PDB file of N, CA and C in Angstrom:
ATOM      1  N   MET A   1       0.848  -1.160   0.000  1.00  0.00           N
ATOM      2  CA  MET A   1       0.000   0.000   0.000  1.00  0.00           C
ATOM      3  C   MET A   1       0.899   1.230   0.000  1.00  0.00           C
ATOM      4  N   ASP A   2       0.629   2.144  -0.903  1.00  0.00           N
ATOM      5  CA  ASP A   2       1.416   3.365  -0.938  1.00  0.00           C
ATOM      6  C   ASP A   2       0.575   4.541  -0.469  1.00  0.00           C
ATOM      7  N   LEU A   3       1.207   5.686  -0.351  1.00  0.00           N
ATOM      8  CA  LEU A   3       0.536   6.875   0.176  1.00  0.00           C
ATOM      9  C   LEU A   3      -0.549   7.376  -0.774  1.00  0.00           C
ATOM     10  N   ARG A   4      -0.346   7.182  -2.069  1.00  0.00           N
ATOM     11  CA  ARG A   4      -1.333   7.658  -3.037  1.00  0.00           C
ATOM     12  C   ARG A   4      -2.670   6.932  -2.883  1.00  0.00           C
ATOM     13  N   SER A   5      -2.628   5.649  -2.624  1.00  0.00           N
ATOM     14  CA  SER A   5      -3.875   4.906  -2.464  1.00  0.00           C
ATOM     15  C   SER A   5      -4.595   5.284  -1.177  1.00  0.00           C
ATOM     16  N   VAL A   6      -3.859   5.743  -0.189  1.00  0.00           N
ATOM     17  CA  VAL A   6      -4.494   6.189   1.053  1.00  0.00           C
ATOM     18  C   VAL A   6      -5.168   7.537   0.849  1.00  0.00           C
ATOM     19  N   LEU A   7      -4.509   8.418   0.114  1.00  0.00           N
ATOM     20  CA  LEU A   7      -5.054   9.761  -0.094  1.00  0.00           C
ATOM     21  C   LEU A   7      -6.130   9.797  -1.175  1.00  0.00           C
ATOM     22  N   ASP A   8      -6.104   8.862  -2.097  1.00  0.00           N
ATOM     23  CA  ASP A   8      -7.072   8.834  -3.191  1.00  0.00           C
ATOM     24  C   ASP A   8      -8.250   7.950  -2.806  1.00  0.00           C
ATOM     25  N   ASN A   9      -9.200   8.534  -2.160  1.00  0.00           N
ATOM     26  CA  ASN A   9     -10.375   7.778  -1.737  1.00  0.00           C
ATOM     27  C   ASN A   9     -11.628   8.370  -2.380  1.00  0.00           C
ATOM     28  N   SER A  10     -11.548   8.668  -3.667  1.00  0.00           N
ATOM     29  CA  SER A  10     -12.681   9.285  -4.347  1.00  0.00           C
ATOM     30  C   SER A  10     -13.886   8.349  -4.398  1.00  0.00           C
ATOM     31  N   PHE A  11     -13.652   7.051  -4.521  1.00  0.00           N
ATOM     32  CA  PHE A  11     -14.772   6.110  -4.512  1.00  0.00           C
ATOM     33  C   PHE A  11     -15.466   6.124  -3.158  1.00  0.00           C
ATOM     34  N   SER A  12     -14.692   6.135  -2.090  1.00  0.00           N
ATOM     35  CA  SER A  12     -15.278   6.181  -0.746  1.00  0.00           C
ATOM     36  C   SER A  12     -16.037   7.480  -0.528  1.00  0.00           C
ATOM     37  N   ALA A  13     -15.508   8.584  -1.045  1.00  0.00           N
ATOM     38  CA  ALA A  13     -16.193   9.863  -0.905  1.00  0.00           C
ATOM     39  C   ALA A  13     -17.500   9.869  -1.689  1.00  0.00           C
ATOM     40  N   ALA A  14     -17.507   9.308  -2.882  1.00  0.00           N
ATOM     41  CA  ALA A  14     -18.728   9.269  -3.688  1.00  0.00           C
ATOM     42  C   ALA A  14     -19.784   8.388  -3.039  1.00  0.00           C
ATOM     43  N   VAL A  15     -19.373   7.251  -2.517  1.00  0.00           N
ATOM     44  CA  VAL A  15     -20.321   6.362  -1.845  1.00  0.00           C
ATOM     45  C   VAL A  15     -20.838   7.016  -0.572  1.00  0.00           C
ATOM     46  N   GLY A  16     -19.980   7.732   0.126  1.00  0.00           N
ATOM     47  CA  GLY A  16     -20.403   8.417   1.346  1.00  0.00           C
ATOM     48  C   GLY A  16     -21.428   9.500   1.073  1.00  0.00           C
ATOM     49  N   VAL A  17     -21.231  10.259   0.006  1.00  0.00           N
ATOM     50  CA  VAL A  17     -22.182  11.311  -0.354  1.00  0.00           C
ATOM     51  C   VAL A  17     -23.523  10.700  -0.735  1.00  0.00           C
ATOM     52  N   ASP A  18     -23.509   9.644  -1.526  1.00  0.00           N
ATOM     53  CA  ASP A  18     -24.757   8.973  -1.888  1.00  0.00           C
ATOM     54  C   ASP A  18     -25.463   8.417  -0.658  1.00  0.00           C
ATOM     55  N   ALA A  19     -24.705   7.858   0.270  1.00  0.00           N
ATOM     56  CA  ALA A  19     -25.302   7.304   1.483  1.00  0.00           C
ATOM     57  C   ALA A  19     -25.959   8.396   2.314  1.00  0.00           C
ATOM     58  N   VAL A  20     -25.333   9.557   2.397  1.00  0.00           N
ATOM     59  CA  VAL A  20     -25.922  10.665   3.155  1.00  0.00           C
ATOM     60  C   VAL A  20     -27.191  11.164   2.476  1.00  0.00           C
ATOM     61  N   ILE A  21     -27.192  11.252   1.158  1.00  0.00           N
ATOM     62  CA  ILE A  21     -28.382  11.706   0.437  1.00  0.00           C
ATOM     63  C   ILE A  21     -29.546  10.740   0.654  1.00  0.00           C
ATOM     64  N   TYR A  22     -29.285   9.448   0.534  1.00  0.00           N
ATOM     65  CA  TYR A  22     -30.347   8.460   0.739  1.00  0.00           C
ATOM     66  C   TYR A  22     -30.807   8.435   2.194  1.00  0.00           C
ATOM     67  N   ALA A  23     -29.902   8.647   3.128  1.00  0.00           N
ATOM     68  CA  ALA A  23     -30.282   8.673   4.540  1.00  0.00           C
ATOM     69  C   ALA A  23     -31.178   9.869   4.838  1.00  0.00           C
ATOM     70  N   LEU A  24     -30.866  11.030   4.271  1.00  0.00           N
ATOM     71  CA  LEU A  24     -31.717  12.200   4.482  1.00  0.00           C
ATOM     72  C   LEU A  24     -33.101  12.004   3.866  1.00  0.00           C
ATOM     73  N   ALA A  25     -33.157  11.395   2.695  1.00  0.00           N
ATOM     74  CA  ALA A  25     -34.454  11.111   2.080  1.00  0.00           C
ATOM     75  C   ALA A  25     -35.252  10.128   2.928  1.00  0.00           C
ATOM     76  N   ALA A  26     -34.594   9.123   3.472  1.00  0.00           N
ATOM     77  CA  ALA A  26     -35.288   8.143   4.316  1.00  0.00           C
ATOM     78  C   ALA A  26     -35.774   8.771   5.608  1.00  0.00           C
ATOM     79  N   ILE A  27     -34.989   9.663   6.185  1.00  0.00           N
ATOM     80  CA  ILE A  27     -35.417  10.343   7.412  1.00  0.00           C
ATOM     81  C   ILE A  27     -36.635  11.213   7.134  1.00  0.00           C
ATOM     82  N   GLY A  28     -36.628  11.916   5.996  1.00  0.00           N
ATOM     83  CA  GLY A  28     -37.781  12.742   5.644  1.00  0.00           C
ATOM     84  C   GLY A  28     -39.037  11.919   5.438  1.00  0.00           C
ATOM     85  N   LEU A  29     -38.908  10.792   4.760  1.00  0.00           N
ATOM     86  CA  LEU A  29     -40.071   9.923   4.570  1.00  0.00           C
ATOM     87  C   LEU A  29     -40.518   9.293   5.884  1.00  0.00           C
ATOM     88  N   ASN A  30     -39.581   8.993   6.778  1.00  0.00           N
ATOM     89  CA  ASN A  30     -39.940   8.432   8.078  1.00  0.00           C
ATOM     90  C   ASN A  30     -40.707   9.448   8.910  1.00  0.00           C
ATOM     91  N   LEU A  31     -40.307  10.695   8.866  1.00  0.00           N
ATOM     92  CA  LEU A  31     -41.049  11.720   9.598  1.00  0.00           C
ATOM     93  C   LEU A  31     -42.472  11.841   9.075  1.00  0.00           C
ATOM     94  N   GLN A  32     -42.615  11.829   7.747  1.00  0.00           N
ATOM     95  CA  GLN A  32     -43.940  12.005   7.150  1.00  0.00           C
ATOM     96  C   GLN A  32     -44.824  10.778   7.350  1.00  0.00           C
ATOM     97  N   PHE A  33     -44.326   9.612   7.009  1.00  0.00           N
ATOM     98  CA  PHE A  33     -45.157   8.414   7.030  1.00  0.00           C
ATOM     99  C   PHE A  33     -45.083   7.677   8.358  1.00  0.00           C
ATOM    100  N   GLY A  34     -43.919   7.620   8.956  1.00  0.00           N
ATOM    101  CA  GLY A  34     -43.743   6.840  10.174  1.00  0.00           C
ATOM    102  C   GLY A  34     -44.442   7.434  11.378  1.00  0.00           C
ATOM    103  N   TYR A  35     -44.324   8.741  11.545  1.00  0.00           N
ATOM    104  CA  TYR A  35     -44.893   9.368  12.732  1.00  0.00           C
ATOM    105  C   TYR A  35     -46.325   9.841  12.532  1.00  0.00           C
ATOM    106  N   THR A  36     -46.674  10.278  11.333  1.00  0.00           N
ATOM    107  CA  THR A  36     -48.021  10.798  11.115  1.00  0.00           C
ATOM    108  C   THR A  36     -48.929   9.830  10.381  1.00  0.00           C
ATOM    109  N   GLY A  37     -48.357   8.861   9.674  1.00  0.00           N
ATOM    110  CA  GLY A  37     -49.165   7.909   8.930  1.00  0.00           C
ATOM    111  C   GLY A  37     -49.683   8.451   7.611  1.00  0.00           C
ATOM    112  N   LEU A  38     -49.182   9.607   7.167  1.00  0.00           N
ATOM    113  CA  LEU A  38     -49.626  10.204   5.919  1.00  0.00           C
ATOM    114  C   LEU A  38     -48.664   9.825   4.798  1.00  0.00           C
ATOM    115  N   LEU A  39     -49.189   9.191   3.764  1.00  0.00           N
ATOM    116  CA  LEU A  39     -48.367   8.790   2.628  1.00  0.00           C
ATOM    117  C   LEU A  39     -48.223   9.969   1.677  1.00  0.00           C
ATOM    118  N   ASN A  40     -47.001  10.369   1.396  1.00  0.00           N
ATOM    119  CA  ASN A  40     -46.760  11.532   0.562  1.00  0.00           C
ATOM    120  C   ASN A  40     -45.487  11.308  -0.245  1.00  0.00           C
ATOM    121  N   PHE A  41     -45.609  11.326  -1.564  1.00  0.00           N
ATOM    122  CA  PHE A  41     -44.451  11.186  -2.436  1.00  0.00           C
ATOM    123  C   PHE A  41     -44.038  12.520  -3.040  1.00  0.00           C
ATOM    124  N   GLY A  42     -44.515  13.615  -2.488  1.00  0.00           N
ATOM    125  CA  GLY A  42     -44.152  14.933  -2.989  1.00  0.00           C
ATOM    126  C   GLY A  42     -42.683  15.244  -2.835  1.00  0.00           C
ATOM    127  N   GLN A  43     -42.056  14.684  -1.824  1.00  0.00           N
ATOM    128  CA  GLN A  43     -40.637  14.914  -1.579  1.00  0.00           C
ATOM    129  C   GLN A  43     -39.801  14.504  -2.791  1.00  0.00           C
ATOM    130  N   VAL A  44     -40.137  13.395  -3.394  1.00  0.00           N
ATOM    131  CA  VAL A  44     -39.403  12.911  -4.563  1.00  0.00           C
ATOM    132  C   VAL A  44     -39.650  13.829  -5.758  1.00  0.00           C
ATOM    133  N   GLY A  45     -40.866  14.288  -5.920  1.00  0.00           N
ATOM    134  CA  GLY A  45     -41.182  15.185  -7.028  1.00  0.00           C
ATOM    135  C   GLY A  45     -40.471  16.520  -6.918  1.00  0.00           C
ATOM    136  N   PHE A  46     -40.412  17.068  -5.707  1.00  0.00           N
ATOM    137  CA  PHE A  46     -39.724  18.341  -5.516  1.00  0.00           C
ATOM    138  C   PHE A  46     -38.223  18.194  -5.742  1.00  0.00           C
ATOM    139  N   ALA A  47     -37.657  17.078  -5.336  1.00  0.00           N
ATOM    140  CA  ALA A  47     -36.235  16.829  -5.593  1.00  0.00           C
ATOM    141  C   ALA A  47     -35.978  16.703  -7.094  1.00  0.00           C
ATOM    142  N   ALA A  48     -36.900  16.071  -7.814  1.00  0.00           N
ATOM    143  CA  ALA A  48     -36.740  15.927  -9.264  1.00  0.00           C
ATOM    144  C   ALA A  48     -36.829  17.277  -9.967  1.00  0.00           C
ATOM    145  N   VAL A  49     -37.744  18.132  -9.533  1.00  0.00           N
ATOM    146  CA  VAL A  49     -37.858  19.462 -10.135  1.00  0.00           C
ATOM    147  C   VAL A  49     -36.600  20.279  -9.857  1.00  0.00           C
ATOM    148  N   GLY A  50     -36.075  20.181  -8.650  1.00  0.00           N
ATOM    149  CA  GLY A  50     -34.838  20.885  -8.326  1.00  0.00           C
ATOM    150  C   GLY A  50     -33.667  20.392  -9.151  1.00  0.00           C
ATOM    151  N   ALA A  51     -33.560  19.084  -9.322  1.00  0.00           N
ATOM    152  CA  ALA A  51     -32.472  18.522 -10.125  1.00  0.00           C
ATOM    153  C   ALA A  51     -32.609  18.934 -11.587  1.00  0.00           C
ATOM    154  N   TYR A  52     -33.827  18.975 -12.082  1.00  0.00           N
ATOM    155  CA  TYR A  52     -34.044  19.400 -13.464  1.00  0.00           C
ATOM    156  C   TYR A  52     -33.673  20.870 -13.641  1.00  0.00           C
ATOM    157  N   GLY A  53     -34.042  21.701 -12.660  1.00  0.00           N
ATOM    158  CA  GLY A  53     -33.681  23.116 -12.728  1.00  0.00           C
ATOM    159  C   GLY A  53     -32.179  23.331 -12.734  1.00  0.00           C
ATOM    160  N   ILE A  54     -31.469  22.565 -11.912  1.00  0.00           N
ATOM    161  CA  ILE A  54     -30.010  22.659 -11.890  1.00  0.00           C
ATOM    162  C   ILE A  54     -29.428  22.208 -13.225  1.00  0.00           C
ATOM    163  N   ALA A  55     -29.901  21.082 -13.733  1.00  0.00           N
ATOM    164  CA  ALA A  55     -29.347  20.535 -14.973  1.00  0.00           C
ATOM    165  C   ALA A  55     -29.569  21.467 -16.153  1.00  0.00           C
ATOM    166  N   VAL A  56     -30.754  22.031 -16.270  1.00  0.00           N
ATOM    167  CA  VAL A  56     -31.046  22.912 -17.400  1.00  0.00           C
ATOM    168  C   VAL A  56     -30.247  24.203 -17.298  1.00  0.00           C
ATOM    169  N   SER A  57     -30.185  24.788 -16.108  1.00  0.00           N
ATOM    170  CA  SER A  57     -29.480  26.062 -15.985  1.00  0.00           C
ATOM    171  C   SER A  57     -27.974  25.918 -16.181  1.00  0.00           C
ATOM    172  N   VAL A  58     -27.411  24.787 -15.786  1.00  0.00           N
ATOM    173  CA  VAL A  58     -25.964  24.603 -15.936  1.00  0.00           C
ATOM    174  C   VAL A  58     -25.596  24.156 -17.347  1.00  0.00           C
ATOM    175  N   THR A  59     -26.329  23.193 -17.903  1.00  0.00           N
ATOM    176  CA  THR A  59     -25.937  22.664 -19.214  1.00  0.00           C
ATOM    177  C   THR A  59     -26.466  23.500 -20.377  1.00  0.00           C
ATOM    178  N   TYR A  60     -27.715  23.925 -20.316  1.00  0.00           N
ATOM    179  CA  TYR A  60     -28.306  24.635 -21.446  1.00  0.00           C
ATOM    180  C   TYR A  60     -27.906  26.110 -21.456  1.00  0.00           C
ATOM    181  N   PHE A  61     -28.024  26.769 -20.295  1.00  0.00           N
ATOM    182  CA  PHE A  61     -27.710  28.194 -20.227  1.00  0.00           C
ATOM    183  C   PHE A  61     -26.237  28.461 -19.925  1.00  0.00           C
ATOM    184  N   GLY A  62     -25.520  27.474 -19.418  1.00  0.00           N
ATOM    185  CA  GLY A  62     -24.099  27.646 -19.144  1.00  0.00           C
ATOM    186  C   GLY A  62     -23.796  28.447 -17.893  1.00  0.00           C
ATOM    187  N   TRP A  63     -24.749  28.530 -16.970  1.00  0.00           N
ATOM    188  CA  TRP A  63     -24.520  29.263 -15.727  1.00  0.00           C
ATOM    189  C   TRP A  63     -23.664  28.429 -14.792  1.00  0.00           C
ATOM    190  N   SER A  64     -23.154  29.064 -13.746  1.00  0.00           N
ATOM    191  CA  SER A  64     -22.323  28.335 -12.786  1.00  0.00           C
ATOM    192  C   SER A  64     -23.189  27.400 -11.942  1.00  0.00           C
ATOM    193  N   LEU A  65     -22.523  26.504 -11.245  1.00  0.00           N
ATOM    194  CA  LEU A  65     -23.242  25.535 -10.418  1.00  0.00           C
ATOM    195  C   LEU A  65     -24.001  26.224  -9.294  1.00  0.00           C
ATOM    196  N   TRP A  66     -23.430  27.266  -8.722  1.00  0.00           N
ATOM    197  CA  TRP A  66     -24.089  27.956  -7.609  1.00  0.00           C
ATOM    198  C   TRP A  66     -25.361  28.659  -8.069  1.00  0.00           C
ATOM    199  N   VAL A  67     -25.335  29.245  -9.242  1.00  0.00           N
ATOM    200  CA  VAL A  67     -26.555  29.848  -9.791  1.00  0.00           C
ATOM    201  C   VAL A  67     -27.570  28.755 -10.094  1.00  0.00           C
ATOM    202  N   GLY A  68     -27.100  27.637 -10.622  1.00  0.00           N
ATOM    203  CA  GLY A  68     -27.984  26.505 -10.894  1.00  0.00           C
ATOM    204  C   GLY A  68     -28.634  25.967  -9.633  1.00  0.00           C
ATOM    205  N   LEU A  69     -27.872  25.917  -8.540  1.00  0.00           N
ATOM    206  CA  LEU A  69     -28.460  25.482  -7.266  1.00  0.00           C
ATOM    207  C   LEU A  69     -29.566  26.429  -6.820  1.00  0.00           C
ATOM    208  N   GLY A  70     -29.343  27.720  -7.010  1.00  0.00           N
ATOM    209  CA  GLY A  70     -30.382  28.690  -6.666  1.00  0.00           C
ATOM    210  C   GLY A  70     -31.619  28.543  -7.530  1.00  0.00           C
ATOM    211  N   VAL A  71     -31.412  28.307  -8.819  1.00  0.00           N
ATOM    212  CA  VAL A  71     -32.541  28.117  -9.739  1.00  0.00           C
ATOM    213  C   VAL A  71     -33.315  26.854  -9.379  1.00  0.00           C
ATOM    214  N   GLY A  72     -32.606  25.769  -9.113  1.00  0.00           N
ATOM    215  CA  GLY A  72     -33.274  24.522  -8.734  1.00  0.00           C
ATOM    216  C   GLY A  72     -34.038  24.655  -7.432  1.00  0.00           C
ATOM    217  N   LEU A  73     -33.443  25.338  -6.469  1.00  0.00           N
ATOM    218  CA  LEU A  73     -34.116  25.561  -5.189  1.00  0.00           C
ATOM    219  C   LEU A  73     -35.357  26.424  -5.370  1.00  0.00           C
ATOM    220  N   ALA A  74     -35.236  27.483  -6.165  1.00  0.00           N
ATOM    221  CA  ALA A  74     -36.386  28.353  -6.404  1.00  0.00           C
ATOM    222  C   ALA A  74     -37.506  27.611  -7.128  1.00  0.00           C
ATOM    223  N   ALA A  75     -37.158  26.774  -8.086  1.00  0.00           N
ATOM    224  CA  ALA A  75     -38.181  26.007  -8.806  1.00  0.00           C
ATOM    225  C   ALA A  75     -38.900  25.045  -7.868  1.00  0.00           C
ATOM    226  N   SER A  76     -38.167  24.409  -6.978  1.00  0.00           N
ATOM    227  CA  SER A  76     -38.797  23.493  -6.022  1.00  0.00           C
ATOM    228  C   SER A  76     -39.694  24.231  -5.046  1.00  0.00           C
ATOM    229  N   VAL A  77     -39.253  25.391  -4.592  1.00  0.00           N
ATOM    230  CA  VAL A  77     -40.058  26.173  -3.647  1.00  0.00           C
ATOM    231  C   VAL A  77     -41.343  26.657  -4.306  1.00  0.00           C
ATOM    232  N   VAL A  78     -41.248  27.130  -5.541  1.00  0.00           N
ATOM    233  CA  VAL A  78     -42.449  27.603  -6.242  1.00  0.00           C
ATOM    234  C   VAL A  78     -43.437  26.462  -6.444  1.00  0.00           C
ATOM    235  N   LEU A  79     -42.960  25.304  -6.862  1.00  0.00           N
ATOM    236  CA  LEU A  79     -43.853  24.156  -7.038  1.00  0.00           C
ATOM    237  C   LEU A  79     -44.454  23.713  -5.706  1.00  0.00           C
ATOM    238  N   ALA A  80     -43.660  23.731  -4.649  1.00  0.00           N
ATOM    239  CA  ALA A  80     -44.172  23.340  -3.336  1.00  0.00           C
ATOM    240  C   ALA A  80     -45.258  24.296  -2.861  1.00  0.00           C
ATOM    241  N   LEU A  81     -45.081  25.579  -3.095  1.00  0.00           N
ATOM    242  CA  LEU A  81     -46.116  26.540  -2.710  1.00  0.00           C
ATOM    243  C   LEU A  81     -47.377  26.378  -3.552  1.00  0.00           C
ATOM    244  N   LEU A  82     -47.205  26.159  -4.853  1.00  0.00           N
ATOM    245  CA  LEU A  82     -48.372  25.984  -5.722  1.00  0.00           C
ATOM    246  C   LEU A  82     -49.174  24.738  -5.365  1.00  0.00           C
ATOM    247  N   LEU A  83     -48.496  23.675  -4.970  1.00  0.00           N
ATOM    248  CA  LEU A  83     -49.203  22.448  -4.596  1.00  0.00           C
ATOM    249  C   LEU A  83     -49.570  22.408  -3.118  1.00  0.00           C
ATOM    250  N   GLY A  84     -48.775  23.037  -2.290  1.00  0.00           N
ATOM    251  CA  GLY A  84     -48.968  22.922  -0.849  1.00  0.00           C
ATOM    252  C   GLY A  84     -50.087  23.774  -0.287  1.00  0.00           C
ATOM    253  N   LEU A  85     -50.216  24.988  -0.768  1.00  0.00           N
ATOM    254  CA  LEU A  85     -51.235  25.874  -0.204  1.00  0.00           C
ATOM    255  C   LEU A  85     -52.662  25.350  -0.392  1.00  0.00           C
ATOM    256  N   PRO A  86     -53.041  24.855  -1.573  1.00  0.00           N
ATOM    257  CA  PRO A  86     -54.406  24.329  -1.701  1.00  0.00           C
ATOM    258  C   PRO A  86     -54.638  23.008  -0.958  1.00  0.00           C
ATOM    259  N   THR A  87     -53.587  22.286  -0.629  1.00  0.00           N
ATOM    260  CA  THR A  87     -53.765  20.966  -0.017  1.00  0.00           C
ATOM    261  C   THR A  87     -53.530  20.965   1.488  1.00  0.00           C
ATOM    262  N   LEU A  88     -53.570  22.105   2.126  1.00  0.00           N
ATOM    263  CA  LEU A  88     -53.307  22.164   3.567  1.00  0.00           C
ATOM    264  C   LEU A  88     -54.335  21.396   4.390  1.00  0.00           C
ATOM    265  N   ARG A  89     -55.563  21.328   3.923  1.00  0.00           N
ATOM    266  CA  ARG A  89     -56.627  20.689   4.714  1.00  0.00           C
ATOM    267  C   ARG A  89     -56.823  19.210   4.400  1.00  0.00           C
ATOM    268  N   LEU A  90     -56.086  18.673   3.448  1.00  0.00           N
ATOM    269  CA  LEU A  90     -56.266  17.270   3.074  1.00  0.00           C
ATOM    270  C   LEU A  90     -55.590  16.348   4.077  1.00  0.00           C
ATOM    271  N   ARG A  91     -56.178  15.189   4.299  1.00  0.00           N
ATOM    272  CA  ARG A  91     -55.629  14.199   5.214  1.00  0.00           C
ATOM    273  C   ARG A  91     -55.729  12.810   4.591  1.00  0.00           C
ATOM    274  N   ALA A  92     -54.936  11.909   5.099  1.00  0.00           N
ATOM    275  CA  ALA A  92     -54.964  10.472   4.801  1.00  0.00           C
ATOM    276  C   ALA A  92     -54.843  10.198   3.303  1.00  0.00           C
ATOM    277  N   ASP A  93     -55.801   9.471   2.749  1.00  0.00           N
ATOM    278  CA  ASP A  93     -55.708   9.035   1.358  1.00  0.00           C
ATOM    279  C   ASP A  93     -55.821  10.188   0.373  1.00  0.00           C
ATOM    280  N   TYR A  94     -56.550  11.231   0.728  1.00  0.00           N
ATOM    281  CA  TYR A  94     -56.697  12.362  -0.176  1.00  0.00           C
ATOM    282  C   TYR A  94     -55.370  13.088  -0.376  1.00  0.00           C
ATOM    283  N   LEU A  95     -54.539  13.122   0.651  1.00  0.00           N
ATOM    284  CA  LEU A  95     -53.213  13.715   0.516  1.00  0.00           C
ATOM    285  C   LEU A  95     -52.345  12.885  -0.419  1.00  0.00           C
ATOM    286  N   ALA A  96     -52.485  11.576  -0.373  1.00  0.00           N
ATOM    287  CA  ALA A  96     -51.699  10.705  -1.249  1.00  0.00           C
ATOM    288  C   ALA A  96     -52.122  10.855  -2.706  1.00  0.00           C
ATOM    289  N   ILE A  97     -53.375  11.180  -2.958  1.00  0.00           N
ATOM    290  CA  ILE A  97     -53.853  11.358  -4.328  1.00  0.00           C
ATOM    291  C   ILE A  97     -53.207  12.580  -4.964  1.00  0.00           C
ATOM    292  N   VAL A  98     -53.082  13.644  -4.194  1.00  0.00           N
ATOM    293  CA  VAL A  98     -52.483  14.872  -4.722  1.00  0.00           C
ATOM    294  C   VAL A  98     -51.003  14.678  -4.830  1.00  0.00           C
TER     295      VAL A  98
END
């Protein structure tokens, strides 16, 4: 084993980042479904809209990653407000339909 193999742990870093992302998603779903019993897949949809906003702004428009993160975050927030405000009073199965 040489020093380069000890310092080059990019695979471990990539797996660690993915593990943290999946753990945060699981914790969010556990809070929603585990404690309240409300089935909601909106979390996945908002993450997809944010990822799409980042991808389009960085690849198509050529903006920096930080601007793309802001665009993706803003797109997710706008969609969450548009869907969330009318559905505040829904419970149980009706929330899962929306």
